[in-house]
Amino acid sequence: MKHIALFAALAAVSVAAQAAPVTYTIDNSHTYPHFTYNHLGFSNQTHKFDKTSGSVVLDRKAKTGSVDVTIDATSVNTGYALFNEHLKAADFFDTTVYPTLTFKSSKMRFKGDQPVSVAGDLTIKGVTKPVTLKITHFKCQPHPMLKVEACGANATTQVKRSEFNMGKNVPYVSDEVTLTLAIEAVNKPAQ
């Protein structure tokens, strides 16, 4: 009888350990993907995308995780409708053919119980390149309004836009672009 009880207890612990990963759904209303580049040497310009979806899976005990983000390229927002259309055109995002940008992680690195970077594949305009996003801020806690567990992070990387077939006006407009993802995600199904 003791062996059966011990086996049942070990099985319960095993199931609990397997259930440790938590999936968080990206909250589009509090997620801000943006990109910064130098314009003619005059200033650094920053523009954003208004629509983002996806998920983050974290197992903080096992120090593993994954990220799957889809950005709606047609939602590019410069603050000026004419410039938005310019960036959606074939020389840049070519949103008629490539309506989304994606990032799918392959590895998350932790320091202690905090993720510090996430490596994976970035796809823009049909071109996929490996990148590593450096996580500059990370926090999980109960969301005070939604009453569910939530996580937020800021992560950044640099790419060359010419490597994604978007090299028009290089070098006058910088080839180097800093991509930043300010993300919030909640532990509840997408709506």
Protein backbone atom coordinates (compact mmCIF):
# COMPACT_ATOMS: atom_id res chain seq x y z
CA MET A 1 0.00 0.00 0.00
CA LYS A 2 2.89 2.37 0.84
CA HIS A 3 4.38 1.72 -2.62
CA ILE A 4 1.12 2.68 -4.33
CA ALA A 5 0.87 5.90 -2.30
CA LEU A 6 4.51 6.74 -3.06
CA PHE A 7 4.01 6.01 -6.78
CA ALA A 8 0.86 8.21 -6.83
CA ALA A 9 2.73 11.04 -5.09
CA LEU A 10 5.65 10.81 -7.53
CA ALA A 11 3.25 10.76 -10.48
CA ALA A 12 1.52 13.90 -9.16
CA VAL A 13 4.87 15.67 -8.75
CA SER A 14 5.88 14.59 -12.26
CA VAL A 15 2.65 15.96 -13.75
CA ALA A 16 3.07 19.24 -11.84
CA ALA A 17 6.65 19.58 -13.09
CA GLN A 18 5.53 19.01 -16.67
CA ALA A 19 2.82 21.66 -16.29
CA ALA A 20 5.37 24.35 -15.30
CA PRO A 21 5.51 26.22 -18.66
CA VAL A 22 3.04 29.12 -18.74
CA THR A 23 1.69 30.60 -21.97
CA TYR A 24 1.09 34.35 -22.16
CA THR A 25 -0.92 35.95 -24.97
CA ILE A 26 0.42 39.23 -26.35
CA ASP A 27 -1.71 42.22 -25.36
CA ASN A 28 -1.81 44.28 -28.57
CA SER A 29 -3.03 47.39 -26.74
CA HIS A 30 0.15 47.46 -24.62
CA THR A 31 2.72 46.14 -27.09
CA TYR A 32 4.83 48.64 -29.02
CA PRO A 33 7.14 47.28 -31.73
CA HIS A 34 9.17 50.13 -33.20
CA PHE A 35 12.23 50.79 -35.31
CA THR A 36 14.81 53.58 -35.28
CA TYR A 37 17.19 54.68 -38.04
CA ASN A 38 19.27 57.73 -38.91
CA HIS A 39 17.74 60.08 -41.48
CA LEU A 40 20.34 61.86 -43.65
CA GLY A 41 22.58 62.40 -40.61
CA PHE A 42 20.11 64.95 -39.25
CA SER A 43 18.23 62.92 -36.68
CA ASN A 44 17.26 59.47 -35.50
CA GLN A 45 13.69 58.71 -36.54
CA THR A 46 11.43 56.23 -34.71
CA HIS A 47 8.28 54.67 -36.17
CA LYS A 48 5.98 51.96 -34.86
CA PHE A 49 3.53 49.24 -35.78
CA ASP A 50 0.01 49.33 -34.33
CA LYS A 51 -0.96 45.64 -34.58
CA THR A 52 0.92 42.75 -32.97
CA SER A 53 -0.13 39.24 -32.02
CA GLY A 54 1.49 36.10 -30.70
CA SER A 55 2.55 34.39 -27.53
CA VAL A 56 5.32 33.96 -25.00
CA VAL A 57 5.89 30.68 -23.17
CA LEU A 58 7.96 30.75 -19.98
CA ASP A 59 9.18 28.09 -17.62
CA ARG A 60 11.14 30.20 -15.17
CA LYS A 61 12.03 27.21 -12.98
CA ALA A 62 13.54 25.27 -15.89
CA LYS A 63 14.96 28.51 -17.35
CA THR A 64 13.42 27.95 -20.76
CA GLY A 65 11.01 29.85 -22.92
CA SER A 66 9.88 30.72 -26.40
CA VAL A 67 8.53 33.72 -28.25
CA ASP A 68 6.32 33.78 -31.33
CA VAL A 69 5.45 37.29 -32.55
CA THR A 70 3.61 38.42 -35.67
CA ILE A 71 3.60 42.12 -36.57
CA ASP A 72 1.10 43.44 -39.08
CA ALA A 73 3.33 45.36 -41.51
CA THR A 74 0.30 47.19 -42.91
CA SER A 75 -0.08 48.85 -39.49
CA VAL A 76 3.20 50.78 -39.82
CA ASN A 77 2.63 54.20 -38.28
CA THR A 78 4.96 57.15 -38.85
CA GLY A 79 2.42 59.75 -37.83
CA TYR A 80 1.96 60.77 -41.47
CA ALA A 81 -0.42 58.91 -43.81
CA LEU A 82 1.64 59.68 -46.94
CA PHE A 83 4.85 58.36 -45.37
CA ASN A 84 2.99 55.26 -44.12
CA GLU A 85 2.04 54.48 -47.72
CA HIS A 86 5.66 55.10 -48.81
CA LEU A 87 6.91 52.49 -46.30
CA LYS A 88 4.21 49.99 -47.35
CA ALA A 89 5.36 50.20 -51.00
CA ALA A 90 7.59 47.68 -52.83
CA ASP A 91 10.88 49.49 -52.03
CA PHE A 92 10.34 48.97 -48.33
CA PHE A 93 7.90 46.58 -46.56
CA ASP A 94 5.97 45.67 -49.75
CA THR A 95 2.90 44.91 -47.65
CA THR A 96 0.80 43.80 -50.62
CA VAL A 97 3.08 40.76 -50.99
CA TYR A 98 4.45 40.52 -47.43
CA PRO A 99 1.77 41.69 -44.98
CA THR A 100 3.56 40.49 -41.82
CA LEU A 101 6.90 40.46 -40.05
CA THR A 102 7.58 37.54 -37.73
CA PHE A 103 9.98 36.55 -35.00
CA LYS A 104 10.13 32.93 -33.85
CA SER A 105 12.59 32.12 -31.11
CA SER A 106 14.94 29.17 -30.98
CA LYS A 107 16.56 29.79 -27.58
CA MET A 108 16.04 31.94 -24.51
CA ARG A 109 18.98 32.66 -22.21
CA PHE A 110 18.52 33.32 -18.49
CA LYS A 111 20.65 34.92 -15.78
CA GLY A 112 19.29 33.64 -12.49
CA ASP A 113 15.52 33.53 -12.91
CA GLN A 114 15.42 36.43 -15.40
CA PRO A 115 15.57 36.03 -19.20
CA VAL A 116 18.32 38.23 -20.65
CA SER A 117 18.18 37.41 -24.36
CA VAL A 118 16.19 35.49 -26.90
CA ALA A 119 17.62 34.19 -30.19
CA GLY A 120 15.56 33.23 -33.18
CA ASP A 121 14.55 33.91 -36.76
CA LEU A 122 13.33 37.31 -37.91
CA THR A 123 11.42 37.33 -41.21
CA ILE A 124 10.87 40.59 -43.05
CA LYS A 125 9.79 40.84 -46.66
CA GLY A 126 10.16 37.09 -47.13
CA VAL A 127 13.79 37.06 -45.94
CA THR A 128 14.63 35.16 -42.76
CA LYS A 129 17.76 35.98 -40.73
CA PRO A 130 18.92 34.86 -37.27
CA VAL A 131 18.91 37.64 -34.66
CA THR A 132 19.34 37.89 -30.91
CA LEU A 133 17.10 40.25 -28.98
CA LYS A 134 18.73 41.63 -25.83
CA ILE A 135 16.17 41.87 -23.03
CA THR A 136 16.73 45.19 -21.25
CA HIS A 137 13.73 44.97 -18.91
CA PHE A 138 11.58 42.06 -17.69
CA LYS A 139 8.88 41.64 -15.05
CA CYS A 140 6.07 39.19 -14.26
CA GLN A 141 3.39 39.83 -11.65
CA PRO A 142 -0.37 39.67 -11.17
CA HIS A 143 -2.05 42.25 -13.42
CA PRO A 144 -3.82 44.71 -11.07
CA MET A 145 -6.85 45.23 -13.35
CA LEU A 146 -7.17 41.93 -15.21
CA LYS A 147 -6.47 39.78 -12.10
CA VAL A 148 -4.32 37.31 -14.06
CA GLU A 149 -0.57 36.74 -14.25
CA ALA A 150 1.10 39.10 -16.73
CA CYS A 151 4.64 39.64 -18.00
CA GLY A 152 6.29 42.58 -19.70
CA ALA A 153 9.63 43.06 -21.38
CA ASN A 154 11.66 45.37 -23.54
CA ALA A 155 13.99 43.74 -26.06
CA THR A 156 16.16 45.17 -28.80
CA THR A 157 18.39 44.15 -31.70
CA GLN A 158 20.10 45.76 -34.67
CA VAL A 159 19.71 44.66 -38.29
CA LYS A 160 20.75 45.91 -41.71
CA ARG A 161 17.68 46.67 -43.77
CA SER A 162 19.57 45.96 -47.01
CA GLU A 163 19.76 42.30 -45.89
CA PHE A 164 15.95 42.22 -46.02
CA ASN A 165 15.70 43.73 -49.55
CA MET A 166 14.93 47.18 -48.16
CA GLY A 167 18.14 49.03 -49.02
CA LYS A 168 16.69 52.03 -50.86
CA ASN A 169 18.54 55.30 -50.09
CA VAL A 170 21.46 53.63 -48.28
CA PRO A 171 23.82 55.20 -47.15
CA TYR A 172 21.95 58.51 -46.91
CA VAL A 173 19.34 56.87 -44.75
CA SER A 174 21.15 54.44 -42.45
CA ASP A 175 21.31 50.78 -43.33
CA GLU A 176 21.49 49.97 -39.60
CA VAL A 177 18.10 49.85 -37.94
CA THR A 178 17.42 49.27 -34.26
CA LEU A 179 14.34 47.11 -33.71
CA THR A 180 12.72 47.32 -30.30
CA LEU A 181 9.85 45.30 -28.93
CA ALA A 182 8.11 46.67 -25.85
CA ILE A 183 5.74 43.83 -25.01
CA GLU A 184 3.08 42.97 -22.47
CA ALA A 185 1.44 39.56 -22.39
CA VAL A 186 -1.20 38.01 -20.14
CA ASN A 187 -1.95 34.48 -19.07
CA LYS A 188 -5.34 34.20 -20.77
CA PRO A 189 -6.64 33.14 -24.20
CA ALA A 190 -6.44 35.63 -27.07
CA GLN A 191 -9.65 37.56 -27.71
